[in-house]
C-alpha atoms as a PDB file:
ATOM      1  CA  MET A   1      51.381  11.955  32.029  1.00  0.00           C
ATOM      2  CA  ASP A   2      53.069  13.470  35.410  1.00  0.00           C
ATOM      3  CA  THR A   3      50.841  11.995  38.070  1.00  0.00           C
ATOM      4  CA  ASN A   4      52.409  14.773  40.134  1.00  0.00           C
ATOM      5  CA  GLN A   5      51.371  17.807  38.101  1.00  0.00           C
ATOM      6  CA  THR A   6      47.542  16.352  37.562  1.00  0.00           C
ATOM      7  CA  ASP A   7      47.601  16.006  41.343  1.00  0.00           C
ATOM      8  CA  GLU A   8      48.933  19.688  41.710  1.00  0.00           C
ATOM      9  CA  ASP A   9      46.166  20.984  39.350  1.00  0.00           C
ATOM     10  CA  ARG A  10      43.612  18.957  41.486  1.00  0.00           C
ATOM     11  CA  ARG A  11      44.549  20.641  44.676  1.00  0.00           C
ATOM     12  CA  ARG A  12      44.757  23.961  43.393  1.00  0.00           C
ATOM     13  CA  PHE A  13      41.270  23.760  41.360  1.00  0.00           C
ATOM     14  CA  LEU A  14      39.608  22.195  44.748  1.00  0.00           C
ATOM     15  CA  ARG A  15      41.574  25.043  47.008  1.00  0.00           C
ATOM     16  CA  ASN A  16      40.066  27.835  44.416  1.00  0.00           C
ATOM     17  CA  ALA A  17      36.376  26.175  44.580  1.00  0.00           C
ATOM     18  CA  THR A  18      36.604  25.897  48.386  1.00  0.00           C
ATOM     19  CA  VAL A  19      37.719  29.421  48.711  1.00  0.00           C
ATOM     20  CA  ALA A  20      34.906  30.671  46.517  1.00  0.00           C
ATOM     21  CA  THR A  21      32.398  28.808  48.140  1.00  0.00           C
ATOM     22  CA  GLY A  22      33.274  29.922  51.501  1.00  0.00           C
ATOM     23  CA  GLY A  23      33.559  33.816  50.224  1.00  0.00           C
ATOM     24  CA  VAL A  24      29.802  33.544  48.607  1.00  0.00           C
ATOM     25  CA  GLY A  25      29.145  31.642  51.615  1.00  0.00           C
ATOM     26  CA  VAL A  26      30.470  34.572  53.939  1.00  0.00           C
ATOM     27  CA  ILE A  27      28.749  36.862  51.793  1.00  0.00           C
ATOM     28  CA  GLY A  28      25.199  35.181  51.975  1.00  0.00           C
ATOM     29  CA  VAL A  29      25.829  35.375  55.947  1.00  0.00           C
ATOM     30  CA  ALA A  30      26.931  38.835  56.384  1.00  0.00           C
ATOM     31  CA  ILE A  31      24.234  40.701  54.066  1.00  0.00           C
ATOM     32  CA  PRO A  32      21.152  39.699  56.473  1.00  0.00           C
ATOM     33  CA  PHE A  33      23.325  40.447  59.415  1.00  0.00           C
ATOM     34  CA  LEU A  34      23.927  43.719  57.907  1.00  0.00           C
ATOM     35  CA  GLU A  35      20.103  44.391  56.872  1.00  0.00           C
ATOM     36  CA  THR A  36      19.387  44.155  60.523  1.00  0.00           C
ATOM     37  CA  MET A  37      21.180  47.136  61.719  1.00  0.00           C
ATOM     38  CA  ALA A  38      19.534  49.190  59.112  1.00  0.00           C
ATOM     39  CA  PRO A  39      16.871  50.979  60.683  1.00  0.00           C
ATOM     40  CA  SER A  40      13.293  49.537  59.474  1.00  0.00           C
ATOM     41  CA  GLU A  41      10.801  51.274  57.097  1.00  0.00           C
ATOM     42  CA  ALA A  42       8.743  52.077  59.750  1.00  0.00           C
ATOM     43  CA  ALA A  43      11.313  53.377  62.064  1.00  0.00           C
ATOM     44  CA  LYS A  44      12.465  55.696  58.588  1.00  0.00           C
ATOM     45  CA  ALA A  45       9.156  56.451  58.494  1.00  0.00           C
ATOM     46  CA  ALA A  46       8.418  57.935  61.850  1.00  0.00           C
ATOM     47  CA  GLY A  47      11.162  60.546  61.466  1.00  0.00           C
ATOM     48  CA  ALA A  48      10.865  61.282  57.524  1.00  0.00           C
ATOM     49  CA  PRO A  49       9.677  64.728  56.730  1.00  0.00           C
ATOM     50  CA  VAL A  50       6.103  64.685  55.552  1.00  0.00           C
ATOM     51  CA  GLU A  51       4.341  66.396  52.735  1.00  0.00           C
ATOM     52  CA  ALA A  52       1.100  68.121  52.476  1.00  0.00           C
ATOM     53  CA  ASN A  53      -0.949  69.615  49.989  1.00  0.00           C
ATOM     54  CA  VAL A  54      -3.344  72.539  51.021  1.00  0.00           C
ATOM     55  CA  SER A  55      -4.496  73.440  47.722  1.00  0.00           C
ATOM     56  CA  SER A  56      -7.819  72.385  48.659  1.00  0.00           C
ATOM     57  CA  LEU A  57      -7.669  74.020  52.076  1.00  0.00           C
ATOM     58  CA  ALA A  58     -10.459  76.319  52.400  1.00  0.00           C
ATOM     59  CA  PRO A  59      -9.884  79.935  54.591  1.00  0.00           C
ATOM     60  CA  GLY A  60     -10.696  79.031  58.184  1.00  0.00           C
ATOM     61  CA  LYS A  61     -10.371  75.444  58.131  1.00  0.00           C
ATOM     62  CA  LEU A  62      -7.918  73.061  59.633  1.00  0.00           C
ATOM     63  CA  MET A  63      -6.211  70.123  58.758  1.00  0.00           C
ATOM     64  CA  THR A  64      -3.801  67.336  60.269  1.00  0.00           C
ATOM     65  CA  VAL A  65      -0.918  65.307  59.282  1.00  0.00           C
ATOM     66  CA  GLU A  66       0.730  62.765  61.038  1.00  0.00           C
ATOM     67  CA  TRP A  67       4.931  63.349  61.860  1.00  0.00           C
ATOM     68  CA  ARG A  68       6.686  61.690  63.959  1.00  0.00           C
ATOM     69  CA  GLY A  69       3.572  59.974  65.602  1.00  0.00           C
ATOM     70  CA  LYS A  70       2.475  63.316  66.278  1.00  0.00           C
ATOM     71  CA  PRO A  71      -0.452  65.327  64.966  1.00  0.00           C
ATOM     72  CA  VAL A  72       0.344  68.440  62.860  1.00  0.00           C
ATOM     73  CA  TRP A  73      -2.049  70.847  62.430  1.00  0.00           C
ATOM     74  CA  ILE A  74      -2.151  73.493  59.340  1.00  0.00           C
ATOM     75  CA  LEU A  75      -4.525  76.400  59.469  1.00  0.00           C
ATOM     76  CA  HIS A  76      -5.639  78.322  56.598  1.00  0.00           C
ATOM     77  CA  ARG A  77      -6.341  81.445  58.288  1.00  0.00           C
ATOM     78  CA  SER A  78      -8.873  83.895  56.783  1.00  0.00           C
ATOM     79  CA  ASP A  79      -7.807  87.757  56.610  1.00  0.00           C
ATOM     80  CA  ALA A  80     -10.084  88.527  59.849  1.00  0.00           C
ATOM     81  CA  MET A  81      -8.057  85.605  61.609  1.00  0.00           C
ATOM     82  CA  ILE A  82      -5.320  87.308  60.905  1.00  0.00           C
ATOM     83  CA  ALA A  83      -6.162  90.695  61.337  1.00  0.00           C
ATOM     84  CA  GLY A  84      -7.013  89.491  65.053  1.00  0.00           C
ATOM     85  CA  LEU A  85      -3.749  88.220  65.889  1.00  0.00           C
ATOM     86  CA  GLY A  86      -2.606  91.469  67.232  1.00  0.00           C
ATOM     87  CA  GLN A  87      -5.547  92.389  69.483  1.00  0.00           C
ATOM     88  CA  HIS A  88      -5.463  90.128  72.314  1.00  0.00           C
ATOM     89  CA  ASN A  89      -1.518  90.553  73.164  1.00  0.00           C
ATOM     90  CA  ASP A  90      -2.498  91.622  76.719  1.00  0.00           C
ATOM     91  CA  LEU A  91      -4.449  87.983  77.203  1.00  0.00           C
ATOM     92  CA  LEU A  92      -1.526  86.088  76.270  1.00  0.00           C
ATOM     93  CA  ALA A  93       1.479  84.578  78.430  1.00  0.00           C
ATOM     94  CA  ASP A  94       4.183  84.987  75.964  1.00  0.00           C
ATOM     95  CA  PRO A  95       2.780  87.184  72.959  1.00  0.00           C
ATOM     96  CA  ASP A  96       6.459  87.750  71.432  1.00  0.00           C
ATOM     97  CA  SER A  97       7.066  83.904  71.459  1.00  0.00           C
ATOM     98  CA  SER A  98      10.332  84.425  73.277  1.00  0.00           C
ATOM     99  CA  LYS A  99       9.952  81.549  75.546  1.00  0.00           C
ATOM    100  CA  SER A 100       8.551  79.020  72.913  1.00  0.00           C
ATOM    101  CA  GLU A 101       9.824  76.597  70.542  1.00  0.00           C
ATOM    102  CA  GLN A 102       9.970  77.574  66.901  1.00  0.00           C
ATOM    103  CA  PRO A 103      12.528  77.746  63.953  1.00  0.00           C
ATOM    104  CA  ALA A 104      13.642  81.747  63.813  1.00  0.00           C
ATOM    105  CA  TYR A 105      11.627  82.218  60.556  1.00  0.00           C
ATOM    106  CA  ALA A 106       8.103  81.235  62.658  1.00  0.00           C
ATOM    107  CA  LYS A 107       9.389  84.076  65.750  1.00  0.00           C
ATOM    108  CA  ASN A 108       6.601  86.598  64.651  1.00  0.00           C
ATOM    109  CA  PRO A 109       3.279  87.592  65.552  1.00  0.00           C
ATOM    110  CA  GLY A 110       1.905  84.999  63.256  1.00  0.00           C
ATOM    111  CA  ARG A 111       4.259  82.167  63.763  1.00  0.00           C
ATOM    112  CA  SER A 112       4.516  81.267  60.303  1.00  0.00           C
ATOM    113  CA  ILE A 113       6.778  81.788  57.321  1.00  0.00           C
ATOM    114  CA  ARG A 114       3.510  82.728  55.248  1.00  0.00           C
ATOM    115  CA  PRO A 115       0.937  84.306  57.555  1.00  0.00           C
ATOM    116  CA  PRO A 116      -2.279  82.900  55.901  1.00  0.00           C
ATOM    117  CA  PHE A 117      -0.879  79.100  56.739  1.00  0.00           C
ATOM    118  CA  PHE A 118      -0.187  78.146  60.188  1.00  0.00           C
ATOM    119  CA  VAL A 119       1.299  75.040  60.997  1.00  0.00           C
ATOM    120  CA  VAL A 120       1.727  73.900  64.533  1.00  0.00           C
ATOM    121  CA  THR A 121       2.297  70.628  66.434  1.00  0.00           C
ATOM    122  CA  GLY A 122      -1.592  69.757  67.884  1.00  0.00           C
ATOM    123  CA  ILE A 123      -0.214  68.913  71.540  1.00  0.00           C
ATOM    124  CA  CYS A 124      -0.765  70.687  74.563  1.00  0.00           C
ATOM    125  CA  THR A 125       2.565  72.112  76.374  1.00  0.00           C
ATOM    126  CA  HIS A 126       0.587  70.964  79.421  1.00  0.00           C
ATOM    127  CA  LEU A 127       0.233  67.351  80.105  1.00  0.00           C
ATOM    128  CA  GLY A 128       0.468  66.402  76.123  1.00  0.00           C
ATOM    129  CA  CYS A 129      -3.316  66.474  75.587  1.00  0.00           C
ATOM    130  CA  VAL A 130      -4.809  66.995  71.904  1.00  0.00           C
ATOM    131  CA  PRO A 131      -6.563  70.600  72.250  1.00  0.00           C
ATOM    132  CA  GLY A 132      -9.566  71.382  69.931  1.00  0.00           C
ATOM    133  CA  PHE A 133      -9.934  73.787  67.522  1.00  0.00           C
ATOM    134  CA  ARG A 134     -12.560  76.564  68.314  1.00  0.00           C
ATOM    135  CA  PRO A 135     -11.982  79.063  65.852  1.00  0.00           C
ATOM    136  CA  GLU A 136     -15.569  81.479  66.776  1.00  0.00           C
ATOM    137  CA  PRO A 137     -14.718  84.210  68.185  1.00  0.00           C
ATOM    138  CA  GLY A 138     -16.493  85.365  71.988  1.00  0.00           C
ATOM    139  CA  ALA A 139     -17.431  81.430  72.411  1.00  0.00           C
ATOM    140  CA  PRO A 140     -20.228  81.495  75.351  1.00  0.00           C
ATOM    141  CA  ASP A 141     -18.256  78.447  77.037  1.00  0.00           C
ATOM    142  CA  LEU A 142     -14.881  80.527  76.967  1.00  0.00           C
ATOM    143  CA  GLY A 143     -15.592  83.983  77.436  1.00  0.00           C
ATOM    144  CA  ALA A 144     -16.905  87.083  75.775  1.00  0.00           C
ATOM    145  CA  ASN A 145     -12.728  88.004  74.992  1.00  0.00           C
ATOM    146  CA  TRP A 146     -12.108  84.432  73.540  1.00  0.00           C
ATOM    147  CA  PRO A 147     -10.634  85.693  70.038  1.00  0.00           C
ATOM    148  CA  GLY A 148     -10.824  82.134  68.592  1.00  0.00           C
ATOM    149  CA  GLY A 149      -7.886  79.411  68.796  1.00  0.00           C
ATOM    150  CA  PHE A 150      -7.644  76.373  70.330  1.00  0.00           C
ATOM    151  CA  TYR A 151      -8.923  74.974  73.621  1.00  0.00           C
ATOM    152  CA  CYS A 152      -7.402  71.899  75.748  1.00  0.00           C
ATOM    153  CA  PRO A 153     -10.628  70.082  77.423  1.00  0.00           C
ATOM    154  CA  CYS A 154      -7.945  68.073  79.512  1.00  0.00           C
ATOM    155  CA  HIS A 155      -7.320  71.081  82.117  1.00  0.00           C
ATOM    156  CA  GLY A 156      -8.538  74.410  80.314  1.00  0.00           C
ATOM    157  CA  SER A 157      -5.184  75.450  78.712  1.00  0.00           C
ATOM    158  CA  LYS A 158      -6.301  78.371  75.888  1.00  0.00           C
ATOM    159  CA  PHE A 159      -4.255  78.989  72.987  1.00  0.00           C
ATOM    160  CA  ASP A 160      -5.148  81.720  70.132  1.00  0.00           C
ATOM    161  CA  LEU A 161      -4.923  81.377  66.273  1.00  0.00           C
ATOM    162  CA  ALA A 162      -0.897  81.638  66.556  1.00  0.00           C
ATOM    163  CA  GLY A 163      -0.607  79.167  69.289  1.00  0.00           C
ATOM    164  CA  ARG A 164      -0.042  81.553  71.936  1.00  0.00           C
ATOM    165  CA  VAL A 165      -0.933  80.464  75.393  1.00  0.00           C
ATOM    166  CA  PHE A 166      -2.906  82.645  77.354  1.00  0.00           C
ATOM    167  CA  LYS A 167      -2.211  83.677  81.122  1.00  0.00           C
ATOM    168  CA  ASN A 168      -3.481  82.046  83.945  1.00  0.00           C
ATOM    169  CA  VAL A 169      -3.330  78.658  82.256  1.00  0.00           C
ATOM    170  CA  PRO A 170      -1.810  75.086  82.990  1.00  0.00           C
ATOM    171  CA  ALA A 171       0.098  75.394  80.120  1.00  0.00           C
ATOM    172  CA  PRO A 172       3.596  76.906  80.384  1.00  0.00           C
ATOM    173  CA  LEU A 173       4.571  77.484  76.814  1.00  0.00           C
ATOM    174  CA  ASN A 174       3.145  78.180  73.489  1.00  0.00           C
ATOM    175  CA  LEU A 175       2.082  75.287  70.996  1.00  0.00           C
ATOM    176  CA  VAL A 176       5.421  74.016  69.572  1.00  0.00           C
ATOM    177  CA  VAL A 177       6.049  75.039  65.643  1.00  0.00           C
ATOM    178  CA  PRO A 178       7.950  72.538  63.548  1.00  0.00           C
ATOM    179  CA  GLU A 179      10.537  73.171  61.235  1.00  0.00           C
ATOM    180  CA  TYR A 180       8.493  73.028  57.748  1.00  0.00           C
ATOM    181  CA  ASN A 181       9.217  74.616  54.205  1.00  0.00           C
ATOM    182  CA  TYR A 182       7.134  75.065  51.247  1.00  0.00           C
ATOM    183  CA  LEU A 183       8.000  73.076  48.013  1.00  0.00           C
ATOM    184  CA  SER A 184       5.357  75.028  45.983  1.00  0.00           C
ATOM    185  CA  ASP A 185       2.650  77.492  47.174  1.00  0.00           C
ATOM    186  CA  THR A 186       0.423  74.737  47.993  1.00  0.00           C
ATOM    187  CA  ARG A 187       2.635  72.079  48.998  1.00  0.00           C
ATOM    188  CA  LEU A 188       4.425  71.918  52.543  1.00  0.00           C
ATOM    189  CA  LEU A 189       7.336  69.691  53.665  1.00  0.00           C
ATOM    190  CA  ILE A 190       6.987  69.254  57.242  1.00  0.00           C
ATOM    191  CA  GLY A 191       9.990  68.006  59.575  1.00  0.00           C
ATOM    192  CA  GLU A 192      12.548  70.006  57.184  1.00  0.00           C
ATOM    193  CA  ASP A 193      13.694  73.551  56.771  1.00  0.00           C
ATOM    194  CA  LYS A 194      15.268  75.078  53.923  1.00  0.00           C
ATOM    195  CA  LYS A 195      18.719  74.940  55.626  1.00  0.00           C
ATOM    196  CA  SER A 196      18.798  71.437  56.177  1.00  0.00           C
ATOM    197  CA  THR A 197      17.602  70.459  52.367  1.00  0.00           C
END
């Protein structure tokens, strides 16, 4: 029996076993390290699109969903609400939404893809307060010419039922319309439009 050959076989075996063990160790250390660089589930969810089901949302009612830590309102406008949108443009600072932030498909009098459903970020463009939903036209505390809409109690900014800002209030711009699209007649995806899907 050749002891030199046996020693060489042992060395080869030990070298291969050491390399394999070291490789497993490197992989074992690298995986948790690389996982710490990936965004957390909370971070992914914070920017991820949000799905909303509007099948049970009755005309004249408002629902709120959260997207990117902000309230997003979905208003199911009644036929009367839609018909009233063009009747008070003289009271508005930007009736055509030329200075406001909204996707191109929402740059219309109703600021929406489909007139009955209005999707808007529920944050006042003045200092970030959350306006209240005040749909009743002619509310005594808001004046006889109030067409219904959103009123910010912090500093008195007013917005109509398309989120368009009134003249002579602190808010400089219309409410922001986020990107969104329809997955079906009753399901919306907020935070992503058709071009990016």
